[in-house]
Protein backbone atom coordinates (compact mmCIF):
# COMPACT_ATOMS: atom_id res chain seq x y z
CA MET A 1 -34.37 -4.17 2.61
CA THR A 2 -35.36 -3.93 6.26
CA PRO A 3 -34.28 -1.06 8.49
CA ALA A 4 -32.12 -3.48 10.47
CA GLU A 5 -30.32 -4.63 7.31
CA ARG A 6 -29.81 -1.02 6.25
CA ALA A 7 -28.43 -0.14 9.69
CA ALA A 8 -26.04 -3.10 9.53
CA LEU A 9 -24.77 -1.99 6.10
CA ILE A 10 -24.17 1.56 7.33
CA ALA A 11 -22.43 0.30 10.48
CA ARG A 12 -20.09 -1.88 8.38
CA ALA A 13 -19.45 1.05 6.03
CA LYS A 14 -18.51 3.27 8.99
CA GLU A 15 -16.04 0.61 10.18
CA VAL A 16 -14.22 0.51 6.85
CA ALA A 17 -14.58 4.19 5.79
CA VAL A 18 -11.56 5.54 7.70
CA PRO A 19 -9.17 2.75 6.58
CA VAL A 20 -10.36 3.22 2.97
CA ALA A 21 -9.80 6.98 3.20
CA ASN A 22 -6.35 6.44 4.76
CA CYS A 23 -5.34 4.08 1.96
CA THR A 24 -6.58 6.49 -0.67
CA ALA A 25 -4.76 9.42 0.94
CA ALA A 26 -1.56 7.38 1.01
CA GLY A 27 -1.98 6.35 -2.62
CA ILE A 28 -2.63 2.72 -1.72
CA PRO A 29 -5.52 1.01 -3.52
CA PRO A 30 -8.11 -0.07 -0.91
CA SER A 31 -8.94 -3.30 -2.75
CA HIS A 32 -7.82 -5.39 0.22
CA LEU A 33 -10.56 -3.68 2.24
CA ILE A 34 -13.39 -3.54 -0.30
CA GLY A 35 -12.44 -6.04 -3.00
CA ASP A 36 -15.13 -8.56 -2.11
CA ALA A 37 -17.80 -6.04 -1.09
CA THR A 38 -21.28 -6.38 -2.52
CA TRP A 39 -22.98 -3.62 -4.47
CA HIS A 40 -25.04 -2.75 -1.40
CA GLU A 41 -21.94 -2.56 0.81
CA LEU A 42 -20.20 -0.28 -1.68
CA TYR A 43 -23.29 1.89 -1.94
CA ALA A 44 -23.38 2.25 1.85
CA LEU A 45 -19.68 3.14 1.85
CA VAL A 46 -20.26 5.83 -0.79
CA LEU A 47 -23.07 7.29 1.32
CA VAL A 48 -20.94 7.33 4.48
CA LEU A 49 -17.95 8.92 2.71
CA ALA A 50 -20.12 11.46 0.89
CA ASP A 51 -21.73 12.42 4.17
CA ALA A 52 -18.33 12.91 5.81
CA VAL A 53 -16.50 14.84 3.09
CA GLY A 54 -16.27 18.61 3.09
CA HIS A 55 -18.17 19.99 0.14
CA GLU A 56 -15.40 22.42 -0.84
CA ALA A 57 -12.82 19.63 -0.86
CA LEU A 58 -15.16 17.54 -2.99
CA ARG A 59 -15.67 20.40 -5.44
CA GLN A 60 -11.91 20.92 -5.73
CA ALA A 61 -11.26 17.24 -6.32
CA CYS A 62 -13.98 17.06 -8.98
CA ALA A 63 -12.82 20.26 -10.69
CA VAL A 64 -9.38 18.82 -11.39
CA SER A 65 -9.12 18.27 -15.10
CA ASP A 66 -5.46 18.57 -16.04
CA ASP A 67 -2.19 17.05 -14.91
CA THR A 68 -0.94 20.30 -13.39
CA ALA A 69 -3.94 20.54 -11.08
CA LEU A 70 -3.50 16.89 -10.11
CA GLU A 71 0.14 17.56 -9.29
CA ARG A 72 -0.84 20.54 -7.12
CA LEU A 73 -3.37 18.44 -5.23
CA GLU A 74 -0.78 15.71 -4.72
CA GLU A 75 1.80 18.26 -3.61
CA GLU A 76 -0.68 19.69 -1.10
CA ARG A 77 -1.51 16.19 0.19
CA LEU A 78 2.17 15.35 0.65
CA ARG A 79 2.89 18.64 2.41
CA LYS A 80 -0.02 18.09 4.81
CA ALA A 81 1.11 14.53 5.53
CA HIS A 82 4.67 15.75 6.18
CA SER A 83 3.40 18.47 8.53
CA GLU A 84 1.29 15.94 10.41
CA ALA A 85 4.22 13.50 10.67
CA VAL A 86 6.48 16.26 12.03
CA ARG A 87 3.80 17.35 14.50
CA LEU A 88 3.28 13.81 15.79
CA ARG A 89 7.02 13.12 16.05
CA ASN A 90 7.63 16.39 17.93
CA ALA A 91 4.82 15.49 20.32
CA GLY A 92 6.34 12.05 20.89
CA LEU A 93 3.26 10.35 19.48
CA PRO A 94 3.20 7.35 17.13
CA VAL A 95 2.90 8.16 13.43
CA PRO A 96 0.27 6.02 11.65
CA LEU A 97 1.45 3.90 8.74
CA ALA A 98 -0.51 5.88 6.13
CA VAL A 99 1.04 9.14 7.34
CA ARG A 100 4.54 7.59 7.37
CA ALA A 101 4.04 6.34 3.82
CA ALA A 102 2.89 9.75 2.63
CA ASP A 103 5.77 11.41 4.51
CA SER A 104 8.23 9.13 2.72
CA ALA A 105 6.57 10.05 -0.57
CA TYR A 106 6.99 13.71 0.41
CA TYR A 107 10.75 13.26 0.81
CA ALA A 108 10.98 11.42 -2.51
CA TRP A 109 8.99 14.19 -4.20
CA ARG A 110 11.25 16.90 -2.71
CA LYS A 111 14.36 15.03 -3.86
CA ALA A 112 12.95 14.77 -7.38
CA GLU A 113 12.10 18.50 -7.36
CA ARG A 114 15.66 19.38 -6.32
CA ARG A 115 17.00 17.34 -9.23
CA LYS A 116 14.82 19.32 -11.66
CA ALA A 117 15.97 22.71 -10.34
CA PRO A 118 18.82 24.46 -12.18
CA PRO A 119 22.10 24.53 -10.27
CA LEU A 120 22.86 27.66 -8.23
CA PHE A 121 26.57 27.46 -9.04
CA ASP A 122 28.52 26.31 -12.06
CA ALA A 123 31.38 23.79 -11.98
CA ASP A 124 33.89 26.53 -11.01
CA GLY A 125 31.82 27.62 -8.03
CA ALA A 126 30.66 30.86 -9.62
CA ALA A 127 27.02 31.86 -9.35
CA ALA A 128 25.07 30.53 -12.31
């Protein structure tokens, strides 16, 4: 592979890296972005993403081994997306689709959590 070909692969990977990361963060499979990519294109994308990721975040993601830890990571992701959506709305700025999708998932998650919680009062209105 020539240096020019390598540079072209990395440039293409940099173009698609942010949309792939946004899809992944929103829980959307990025197959529409990388479904027909060659092995070399995927390799370049892995290199670009690995270069960009924070090592501590990578360690945390790789250390997840049980469902509880996965739920905590998802909860943290949804909370961050909700905070970002609120910040952008309060600033009068447009909210990107991936953030809106994650914010909607945050509200659905909170609703489900409220359903799981025991009631504070019984049917007569007395404290439970």
